[in-house]
Amino acid sequence: MKMMSGDELATALGLYELRYESLLTLVRVAVLGFSGVFMWLIVGGRSAHPRCMAILNPILLTIASFVIFLIVPGIGKYLMPIALNVAFLIIFSVSTLIVVRSWAGE
């Protein structure tokens, strides 16, 4: 197997970063769109979620991660790379809790 030269490696890494950033941008735009739909359904009362759940949309939670980074960089440096994952963990955990409580109340 032939070793890549420094220029070839730099080119390969550049292509990887371009594709990674393009995909990440697409994911961010999709999350923004789904966050809007999520909030619209909840605020409009067309969801089983209470209206206060609208504040737990992925965009606001991601912004909260940025704020945490600015206020407490020691914690924020661990949150920032996975901010969207943390947002989804919070949303799905609270949503699951709501469903479980509604089942228990029936």
N, C-alpha and C. Protein backbone atom coordinates (compact mmCIF):
# COMPACT_ATOMS: atom_id res chain seq x y z
N MET A 1 0.84 -1.17 0.00
CA MET A 1 0.00 0.00 0.00
C MET A 1 0.89 1.24 0.00
N LYS A 2 0.56 2.19 -0.87
CA LYS A 2 1.36 3.40 -1.03
C LYS A 2 0.95 4.43 0.02
N MET A 3 1.92 5.05 0.62
CA MET A 3 1.67 6.11 1.60
C MET A 3 1.30 7.40 0.87
N MET A 4 0.39 8.16 1.45
CA MET A 4 -0.01 9.43 0.85
C MET A 4 1.04 10.49 1.18
N SER A 5 1.26 11.35 0.22
CA SER A 5 2.18 12.46 0.47
C SER A 5 1.45 13.50 1.33
N GLY A 6 2.18 14.46 1.81
CA GLY A 6 1.60 15.52 2.64
C GLY A 6 0.52 16.30 1.91
N ASP A 7 0.76 16.59 0.61
CA ASP A 7 -0.23 17.33 -0.18
C ASP A 7 -1.48 16.50 -0.41
N GLU A 8 -1.31 15.21 -0.71
CA GLU A 8 -2.46 14.33 -0.93
C GLU A 8 -3.29 14.18 0.35
N LEU A 9 -2.60 14.07 1.47
CA LEU A 9 -3.29 13.95 2.75
C LEU A 9 -4.05 15.23 3.07
N ALA A 10 -3.44 16.38 2.82
CA ALA A 10 -4.10 17.66 3.06
C ALA A 10 -5.34 17.81 2.17
N THR A 11 -5.23 17.37 0.91
CA THR A 11 -6.37 17.42 -0.01
C THR A 11 -7.49 16.50 0.47
N ALA A 12 -7.13 15.29 0.89
CA ALA A 12 -8.13 14.33 1.38
C ALA A 12 -8.83 14.86 2.63
N LEU A 13 -8.06 15.44 3.55
CA LEU A 13 -8.66 16.01 4.76
C LEU A 13 -9.55 17.20 4.43
N GLY A 14 -9.15 18.00 3.47
CA GLY A 14 -9.97 19.14 3.05
C GLY A 14 -11.30 18.69 2.48
N LEU A 15 -11.28 17.64 1.65
CA LEU A 15 -12.53 17.10 1.10
C LEU A 15 -13.41 16.53 2.20
N TYR A 16 -12.79 15.84 3.14
CA TYR A 16 -13.55 15.28 4.27
C TYR A 16 -14.23 16.40 5.06
N GLU A 17 -13.48 17.46 5.37
CA GLU A 17 -14.04 18.57 6.13
C GLU A 17 -15.17 19.26 5.37
N LEU A 18 -15.00 19.42 4.05
CA LEU A 18 -16.04 20.04 3.24
C LEU A 18 -17.32 19.21 3.29
N ARG A 19 -17.20 17.92 3.12
CA ARG A 19 -18.39 17.04 3.16
C ARG A 19 -19.00 17.02 4.54
N TYR A 20 -18.17 16.98 5.58
CA TYR A 20 -18.65 16.96 6.95
C TYR A 20 -19.42 18.25 7.26
N GLU A 21 -18.84 19.38 6.90
CA GLU A 21 -19.50 20.66 7.16
C GLU A 21 -20.78 20.80 6.35
N SER A 22 -20.79 20.30 5.11
CA SER A 22 -22.00 20.35 4.29
C SER A 22 -23.12 19.53 4.93
N LEU A 23 -22.78 18.33 5.39
CA LEU A 23 -23.77 17.47 6.03
C LEU A 23 -24.24 18.10 7.33
N LEU A 24 -23.34 18.66 8.10
CA LEU A 24 -23.70 19.29 9.36
C LEU A 24 -24.62 20.48 9.13
N THR A 25 -24.38 21.25 8.10
CA THR A 25 -25.24 22.38 7.76
C THR A 25 -26.64 21.89 7.39
N LEU A 26 -26.70 20.82 6.61
CA LEU A 26 -27.99 20.23 6.24
C LEU A 26 -28.75 19.77 7.48
N VAL A 27 -28.06 19.14 8.42
CA VAL A 27 -28.69 18.68 9.66
C VAL A 27 -29.21 19.88 10.46
N ARG A 28 -28.42 20.93 10.54
CA ARG A 28 -28.84 22.12 11.29
C ARG A 28 -30.09 22.75 10.69
N VAL A 29 -30.15 22.84 9.36
CA VAL A 29 -31.32 23.40 8.70
C VAL A 29 -32.54 22.51 8.93
N ALA A 30 -32.36 21.20 8.85
CA ALA A 30 -33.46 20.27 9.09
C ALA A 30 -33.96 20.39 10.53
N VAL A 31 -33.05 20.49 11.48
CA VAL A 31 -33.44 20.63 12.89
C VAL A 31 -34.20 21.93 13.10
N LEU A 32 -33.76 23.00 12.46
CA LEU A 32 -34.46 24.27 12.56
C LEU A 32 -35.89 24.12 12.04
N GLY A 33 -36.05 23.46 10.90
CA GLY A 33 -37.39 23.25 10.35
C GLY A 33 -38.26 22.40 11.26
N PHE A 34 -37.71 21.29 11.75
CA PHE A 34 -38.48 20.41 12.63
C PHE A 34 -38.77 21.09 13.97
N SER A 35 -37.88 21.94 14.43
CA SER A 35 -38.13 22.69 15.66
C SER A 35 -39.32 23.61 15.49
N GLY A 36 -39.39 24.25 14.33
CA GLY A 36 -40.54 25.11 14.04
C GLY A 36 -41.84 24.34 14.02
N VAL A 37 -41.84 23.17 13.39
CA VAL A 37 -43.04 22.33 13.35
C VAL A 37 -43.39 21.87 14.77
N PHE A 38 -42.38 21.45 15.53
CA PHE A 38 -42.56 21.00 16.90
C PHE A 38 -43.25 22.09 17.73
N MET A 39 -42.72 23.29 17.66
CA MET A 39 -43.30 24.40 18.42
C MET A 39 -44.70 24.73 17.94
N TRP A 40 -44.91 24.73 16.63
CA TRP A 40 -46.22 25.06 16.05
C TRP A 40 -47.28 24.07 16.52
N LEU A 41 -46.95 22.77 16.53
CA LEU A 41 -47.90 21.75 16.98
C LEU A 41 -48.21 21.89 18.47
N ILE A 42 -47.19 22.13 19.27
CA ILE A 42 -47.38 22.22 20.71
C ILE A 42 -48.14 23.49 21.09
N VAL A 43 -47.69 24.63 20.58
CA VAL A 43 -48.34 25.90 20.92
C VAL A 43 -49.78 25.91 20.40
N GLY A 44 -50.02 25.29 19.26
CA GLY A 44 -51.36 25.24 18.70
C GLY A 44 -52.28 24.23 19.37
N GLY A 45 -51.76 23.47 20.33
CA GLY A 45 -52.59 22.49 21.03
C GLY A 45 -52.86 21.23 20.23
N ARG A 46 -52.08 20.99 19.20
CA ARG A 46 -52.29 19.81 18.36
C ARG A 46 -51.31 18.69 18.73
N SER A 47 -50.98 18.63 20.00
CA SER A 47 -50.03 17.65 20.49
C SER A 47 -50.45 17.22 21.88
N ALA A 48 -49.98 16.06 22.31
CA ALA A 48 -50.26 15.59 23.67
C ALA A 48 -49.38 16.29 24.70
N HIS A 49 -48.42 17.06 24.22
CA HIS A 49 -47.50 17.76 25.12
C HIS A 49 -48.15 19.02 25.68
N PRO A 50 -47.81 19.36 26.92
CA PRO A 50 -48.28 20.66 27.45
C PRO A 50 -47.58 21.79 26.70
N ARG A 51 -48.22 22.93 26.66
CA ARG A 51 -47.67 24.06 25.89
C ARG A 51 -46.30 24.51 26.37
N CYS A 52 -45.99 24.28 27.64
CA CYS A 52 -44.68 24.70 28.16
C CYS A 52 -43.54 23.90 27.51
N MET A 53 -43.85 22.78 26.87
CA MET A 53 -42.83 21.98 26.18
C MET A 53 -42.23 22.73 25.00
N ALA A 54 -42.89 23.76 24.53
CA ALA A 54 -42.39 24.51 23.38
C ALA A 54 -41.02 25.14 23.67
N ILE A 55 -40.74 25.41 24.95
CA ILE A 55 -39.43 26.00 25.28
C ILE A 55 -38.32 24.96 25.17
N LEU A 56 -38.67 23.68 25.11
CA LEU A 56 -37.66 22.63 24.99
C LEU A 56 -37.43 22.23 23.54
N ASN A 57 -37.49 23.18 22.64
CA ASN A 57 -37.21 22.83 21.24
C ASN A 57 -35.70 22.80 21.02
N PRO A 58 -35.24 22.02 20.03
CA PRO A 58 -33.80 21.83 19.84
C PRO A 58 -33.00 23.12 19.63
N ILE A 59 -33.57 24.08 18.96
CA ILE A 59 -32.83 25.32 18.70
C ILE A 59 -32.59 26.09 20.01
N LEU A 60 -33.62 26.23 20.83
CA LEU A 60 -33.44 26.94 22.10
C LEU A 60 -32.48 26.20 23.03
N LEU A 61 -32.55 24.87 23.04
CA LEU A 61 -31.64 24.10 23.88
C LEU A 61 -30.20 24.19 23.39
N THR A 62 -30.02 24.26 22.08
CA THR A 62 -28.67 24.42 21.53
C THR A 62 -28.13 25.80 21.86
N ILE A 63 -28.98 26.81 21.77
CA ILE A 63 -28.57 28.16 22.17
C ILE A 63 -28.21 28.18 23.65
N ALA A 64 -28.97 27.45 24.46
CA ALA A 64 -28.67 27.37 25.90
C ALA A 64 -27.28 26.75 26.12
N SER A 65 -26.90 25.79 25.28
CA SER A 65 -25.56 25.21 25.39
C SER A 65 -24.48 26.26 25.10
N PHE A 66 -24.73 27.11 24.11
CA PHE A 66 -23.79 28.20 23.81
C PHE A 66 -23.69 29.16 25.00
N VAL A 67 -24.82 29.47 25.61
CA VAL A 67 -24.83 30.37 26.76
C VAL A 67 -24.05 29.75 27.92
N ILE A 68 -24.26 28.46 28.16
CA ILE A 68 -23.52 27.77 29.21
C ILE A 68 -22.02 27.84 28.92
N PHE A 69 -21.66 27.67 27.65
CA PHE A 69 -20.25 27.76 27.26
C PHE A 69 -19.67 29.14 27.59
N LEU A 70 -20.46 30.18 27.34
CA LEU A 70 -19.99 31.54 27.61
C LEU A 70 -19.90 31.83 29.11
N ILE A 71 -20.86 31.31 29.87
CA ILE A 71 -20.90 31.59 31.30
C ILE A 71 -19.94 30.69 32.08
N VAL A 72 -19.95 29.39 31.75
CA VAL A 72 -19.12 28.41 32.47
C VAL A 72 -18.33 27.60 31.43
N PRO A 73 -17.24 28.16 30.91
CA PRO A 73 -16.49 27.48 29.85
C PRO A 73 -15.98 26.09 30.23
N GLY A 74 -15.73 25.87 31.51
CA GLY A 74 -15.25 24.56 31.95
C GLY A 74 -16.24 23.44 31.67
N ILE A 75 -17.52 23.73 31.78
CA ILE A 75 -18.57 22.76 31.46
C ILE A 75 -18.94 22.87 29.99
N GLY A 76 -19.03 24.09 29.50
CA GLY A 76 -19.44 24.32 28.12
C GLY A 76 -18.55 23.67 27.08
N LYS A 77 -17.25 23.55 27.39
CA LYS A 77 -16.34 22.95 26.41
C LYS A 77 -16.68 21.48 26.15
N TYR A 78 -17.35 20.84 27.10
CA TYR A 78 -17.78 19.46 26.90
C TYR A 78 -19.16 19.39 26.25
N LEU A 79 -19.99 20.40 26.50
CA LEU A 79 -21.34 20.43 25.93
C LEU A 79 -21.36 20.83 24.46
N MET A 80 -20.52 21.79 24.08
CA MET A 80 -20.60 22.36 22.73
C MET A 80 -20.46 21.34 21.60
N PRO A 81 -19.51 20.42 21.65
CA PRO A 81 -19.40 19.49 20.52
C PRO A 81 -20.61 18.56 20.37
N ILE A 82 -21.35 18.38 21.46
CA ILE A 82 -22.49 17.46 21.42
C ILE A 82 -23.79 18.18 21.76
N ALA A 83 -23.85 19.48 21.52
CA ALA A 83 -25.00 20.29 21.94
C ALA A 83 -26.32 19.77 21.39
N LEU A 84 -26.35 19.38 20.14
CA LEU A 84 -27.59 18.89 19.55
C LEU A 84 -28.00 17.56 20.17
N ASN A 85 -27.03 16.71 20.47
CA ASN A 85 -27.34 15.44 21.12
C ASN A 85 -27.91 15.68 22.52
N VAL A 86 -27.35 16.64 23.24
CA VAL A 86 -27.87 16.98 24.56
C VAL A 86 -29.30 17.50 24.45
N ALA A 87 -29.55 18.34 23.45
CA ALA A 87 -30.90 18.87 23.24
C ALA A 87 -31.89 17.73 22.99
N PHE A 88 -31.52 16.79 22.13
CA PHE A 88 -32.41 15.67 21.84
C PHE A 88 -32.60 14.78 23.06
N LEU A 89 -31.56 14.58 23.84
CA LEU A 89 -31.69 13.80 25.07
C LEU A 89 -32.71 14.44 26.01
N ILE A 90 -32.64 15.74 26.17
CA ILE A 90 -33.58 16.44 27.04
C ILE A 90 -35.00 16.34 26.50
N ILE A 91 -35.17 16.61 25.22
CA ILE A 91 -36.51 16.58 24.62
C ILE A 91 -37.13 15.20 24.73
N PHE A 92 -36.40 14.17 24.32
CA PHE A 92 -36.96 12.83 24.32
C PHE A 92 -37.17 12.30 25.73
N SER A 93 -36.32 12.69 26.68
CA SER A 93 -36.50 12.27 28.07
C SER A 93 -37.77 12.88 28.66
N VAL A 94 -37.95 14.19 28.48
CA VAL A 94 -39.14 14.85 29.01
C VAL A 94 -40.39 14.33 28.31
N SER A 95 -40.31 14.13 27.00
CA SER A 95 -41.45 13.61 26.25
C SER A 95 -41.82 12.20 26.73
N THR A 96 -40.83 11.37 26.96
CA THR A 96 -41.09 10.02 27.47
C THR A 96 -41.71 10.08 28.86
N LEU A 97 -41.22 10.97 29.69
CA LEU A 97 -41.77 11.13 31.04
C LEU A 97 -43.24 11.55 30.97
N ILE A 98 -43.57 12.44 30.06
CA ILE A 98 -44.96 12.88 29.89
C ILE A 98 -45.85 11.71 29.47
N VAL A 99 -45.38 10.91 28.53
CA VAL A 99 -46.16 9.76 28.06
C VAL A 99 -46.35 8.74 29.17
N VAL A 100 -45.28 8.45 29.91
CA VAL A 100 -45.37 7.46 31.00
C VAL A 100 -46.36 7.95 32.07
N ARG A 101 -46.29 9.22 32.40
CA ARG A 101 -47.21 9.77 33.41
C ARG A 101 -48.66 9.74 32.91
N SER A 102 -48.86 10.00 31.62
CA SER A 102 -50.23 9.97 31.09
C SER A 102 -50.77 8.54 31.10
N TRP A 103 -49.92 7.56 30.85
CA TRP A 103 -50.35 6.16 30.91
C TRP A 103 -50.69 5.77 32.35
N ALA A 104 -49.88 6.23 33.29
CA ALA A 104 -50.10 5.89 34.70
C ALA A 104 -51.38 6.54 35.23
N GLY A 105 -51.75 7.68 34.65
CA GLY A 105 -52.93 8.41 35.09
C GLY A 105 -54.24 7.87 34.51
N GLU A 106 -54.15 6.99 33.54
CA GLU A 106 -55.38 6.48 32.90
C GLU A 106 -56.10 5.50 33.78
